[in-house]
């Protein structure tokens, strides 16, 4: 069964947040870490996975991504801290 992931990345100093969606979290974070996709995350060195959720259907994943993107920064940080209090890079845990 296909899975979809909504994720939040940050930079080394935890000052920039990026929310995205993918059907392959390992590949997508690898792309961010290795700056393979030009754009926001490449420009601001955003490559630390600090939060993700798993969905079974794309519609709910897209709704959730949009919901997170509309949150105030403070609420995004609270969301991250609720699952990852020290904002550690979760990439190694998904490999």
C-alpha atoms as a PDB file:
ATOM      1  CA  UNK A   1       0.000   0.000   0.000  1.00  0.00           C
ATOM      2  CA  UNK A   2       1.252   3.442  -0.911  1.00  0.00           C
ATOM      3  CA  UNK A   3       2.057   5.883   1.858  1.00  0.00           C
ATOM      4  CA  UNK A   4       2.301   9.643   1.834  1.00  0.00           C
ATOM      5  CA  UNK A   5       4.367  11.783   4.155  1.00  0.00           C
ATOM      6  CA  UNK A   6       3.955  15.338   5.360  1.00  0.00           C
ATOM      7  CA  UNK A   7       7.242  16.560   6.759  1.00  0.00           C
ATOM      8  CA  UNK A   8       8.947  19.565   8.262  1.00  0.00           C
ATOM      9  CA  UNK A   9      12.593  20.385   7.660  1.00  0.00           C
ATOM     10  CA  UNK A  10      14.711  23.041   9.276  1.00  0.00           C
ATOM     11  CA  UNK A  11      18.267  24.313   8.978  1.00  0.00           C
ATOM     12  CA  UNK A  12      21.232  23.764  11.304  1.00  0.00           C
ATOM     13  CA  UNK A  13      20.238  26.672  13.591  1.00  0.00           C
ATOM     14  CA  UNK A  14      16.489  25.814  13.535  1.00  0.00           C
ATOM     15  CA  UNK A  15      15.622  29.279  12.204  1.00  0.00           C
ATOM     16  CA  UNK A  16      13.976  28.316   8.892  1.00  0.00           C
ATOM     17  CA  UNK A  17      11.029  25.905   8.556  1.00  0.00           C
ATOM     18  CA  UNK A  18       9.901  24.142   5.391  1.00  0.00           C
ATOM     19  CA  UNK A  19       6.810  21.934   5.102  1.00  0.00           C
ATOM     20  CA  UNK A  20       6.506  19.451   2.275  1.00  0.00           C
ATOM     21  CA  UNK A  21       4.720  16.328   1.066  1.00  0.00           C
ATOM     22  CA  UNK A  22       6.081  13.220  -0.659  1.00  0.00           C
ATOM     23  CA  UNK A  23       5.388   9.560  -1.309  1.00  0.00           C
ATOM     24  CA  UNK A  24       9.009   8.609  -0.534  1.00  0.00           C
ATOM     25  CA  UNK A  25      10.374  10.322   2.561  1.00  0.00           C
ATOM     26  CA  UNK A  26      13.856   8.762   2.468  1.00  0.00           C
ATOM     27  CA  UNK A  27      14.422   9.808  -1.156  1.00  0.00           C
ATOM     28  CA  UNK A  28      12.974  13.299  -0.645  1.00  0.00           C
ATOM     29  CA  UNK A  29      15.056  14.105   2.439  1.00  0.00           C
ATOM     30  CA  UNK A  30      18.130  12.735   0.653  1.00  0.00           C
ATOM     31  CA  UNK A  31      17.397  15.175  -2.195  1.00  0.00           C
ATOM     32  CA  UNK A  32      17.144  18.055   0.294  1.00  0.00           C
ATOM     33  CA  UNK A  33      20.319  17.040   2.140  1.00  0.00           C
ATOM     34  CA  UNK A  34      22.297  16.809  -1.085  1.00  0.00           C
ATOM     35  CA  UNK A  35      20.802  19.990  -2.582  1.00  0.00           C
ATOM     36  CA  UNK A  36      19.574  18.120  -5.672  1.00  0.00           C
ATOM     37  CA  UNK A  37      16.442  20.262  -6.079  1.00  0.00           C
ATOM     38  CA  UNK A  38      16.960  23.977  -6.721  1.00  0.00           C
ATOM     39  CA  UNK A  39      14.800  26.318  -4.684  1.00  0.00           C
ATOM     40  CA  UNK A  40      13.988  27.392  -1.150  1.00  0.00           C
ATOM     41  CA  UNK A  41      15.565  24.494   0.762  1.00  0.00           C
ATOM     42  CA  UNK A  42      18.745  24.671  -1.289  1.00  0.00           C
ATOM     43  CA  UNK A  43      19.012  28.448  -0.903  1.00  0.00           C
ATOM     44  CA  UNK A  44      18.478  28.421   2.881  1.00  0.00           C
ATOM     45  CA  UNK A  45      20.356  25.149   3.594  1.00  0.00           C
ATOM     46  CA  UNK A  46      17.216  23.468   4.960  1.00  0.00           C
ATOM     47  CA  UNK A  47      18.003  19.776   5.308  1.00  0.00           C
ATOM     48  CA  UNK A  48      17.253  18.585   8.842  1.00  0.00           C
ATOM     49  CA  UNK A  49      14.142  16.394   9.166  1.00  0.00           C
ATOM     50  CA  UNK A  50      12.476  17.316  12.462  1.00  0.00           C
ATOM     51  CA  UNK A  51       8.884  16.125  11.960  1.00  0.00           C
ATOM     52  CA  UNK A  52       6.792  13.852   9.776  1.00  0.00           C
ATOM     53  CA  UNK A  53       3.373  12.218   9.634  1.00  0.00           C
ATOM     54  CA  UNK A  54       2.294   9.203   7.561  1.00  0.00           C
ATOM     55  CA  UNK A  55      -0.943   9.024   5.576  1.00  0.00           C
ATOM     56  CA  UNK A  56      -2.578   6.257   3.560  1.00  0.00           C
ATOM     57  CA  UNK A  57      -4.286   8.522   1.049  1.00  0.00           C
ATOM     58  CA  UNK A  58      -3.012  11.600  -0.779  1.00  0.00           C
ATOM     59  CA  UNK A  59      -6.069  13.781  -0.145  1.00  0.00           C
ATOM     60  CA  UNK A  60      -5.640  13.709   3.641  1.00  0.00           C
ATOM     61  CA  UNK A  61      -1.886  14.261   3.295  1.00  0.00           C
ATOM     62  CA  UNK A  62      -2.446  17.314   1.084  1.00  0.00           C
ATOM     63  CA  UNK A  63      -5.025  18.727   3.517  1.00  0.00           C
ATOM     64  CA  UNK A  64      -2.617  18.247   6.410  1.00  0.00           C
ATOM     65  CA  UNK A  65       0.288  19.849   4.549  1.00  0.00           C
ATOM     66  CA  UNK A  66      -1.844  22.905   3.755  1.00  0.00           C
ATOM     67  CA  UNK A  67      -3.017  23.039   7.375  1.00  0.00           C
ATOM     68  CA  UNK A  68       0.544  22.982   8.705  1.00  0.00           C
ATOM     69  CA  UNK A  69       1.677  25.601   6.179  1.00  0.00           C
ATOM     70  CA  UNK A  70      -1.083  27.910   7.450  1.00  0.00           C
ATOM     71  CA  UNK A  71      -0.019  27.601  11.102  1.00  0.00           C
ATOM     72  CA  UNK A  72       1.819  30.378  12.844  1.00  0.00           C
ATOM     73  CA  UNK A  73       5.509  29.640  13.313  1.00  0.00           C
ATOM     74  CA  UNK A  74       4.951  29.243  17.069  1.00  0.00           C
ATOM     75  CA  UNK A  75       2.352  26.518  16.407  1.00  0.00           C
ATOM     76  CA  UNK A  76       4.682  24.716  13.987  1.00  0.00           C
ATOM     77  CA  UNK A  77       7.424  24.735  16.626  1.00  0.00           C
ATOM     78  CA  UNK A  78       4.937  23.374  19.203  1.00  0.00           C
ATOM     79  CA  UNK A  79       3.982  20.614  16.752  1.00  0.00           C
ATOM     80  CA  UNK A  80       7.633  19.671  16.223  1.00  0.00           C
ATOM     81  CA  UNK A  81       8.397  19.768  19.965  1.00  0.00           C
ATOM     82  CA  UNK A  82       5.383  17.539  20.748  1.00  0.00           C
ATOM     83  CA  UNK A  83       7.065  14.643  18.906  1.00  0.00           C
ATOM     84  CA  UNK A  84      10.720  15.721  18.796  1.00  0.00           C
ATOM     85  CA  UNK A  85      11.462  17.887  21.868  1.00  0.00           C
ATOM     86  CA  UNK A  86      15.166  18.338  21.055  1.00  0.00           C
ATOM     87  CA  UNK A  87      14.606  18.938  17.320  1.00  0.00           C
ATOM     88  CA  UNK A  88      17.094  16.217  16.418  1.00  0.00           C
ATOM     89  CA  UNK A  89      17.513  15.136  12.797  1.00  0.00           C
ATOM     90  CA  UNK A  90      15.188  12.161  12.284  1.00  0.00           C
ATOM     91  CA  UNK A  91      16.718  11.121   8.951  1.00  0.00           C
ATOM     92  CA  UNK A  92      18.769   8.243  10.381  1.00  0.00           C
ATOM     93  CA  UNK A  93      15.628   6.863  12.075  1.00  0.00           C
ATOM     94  CA  UNK A  94      13.818   6.478   8.721  1.00  0.00           C
ATOM     95  CA  UNK A  95      16.694   4.816   6.847  1.00  0.00           C
END
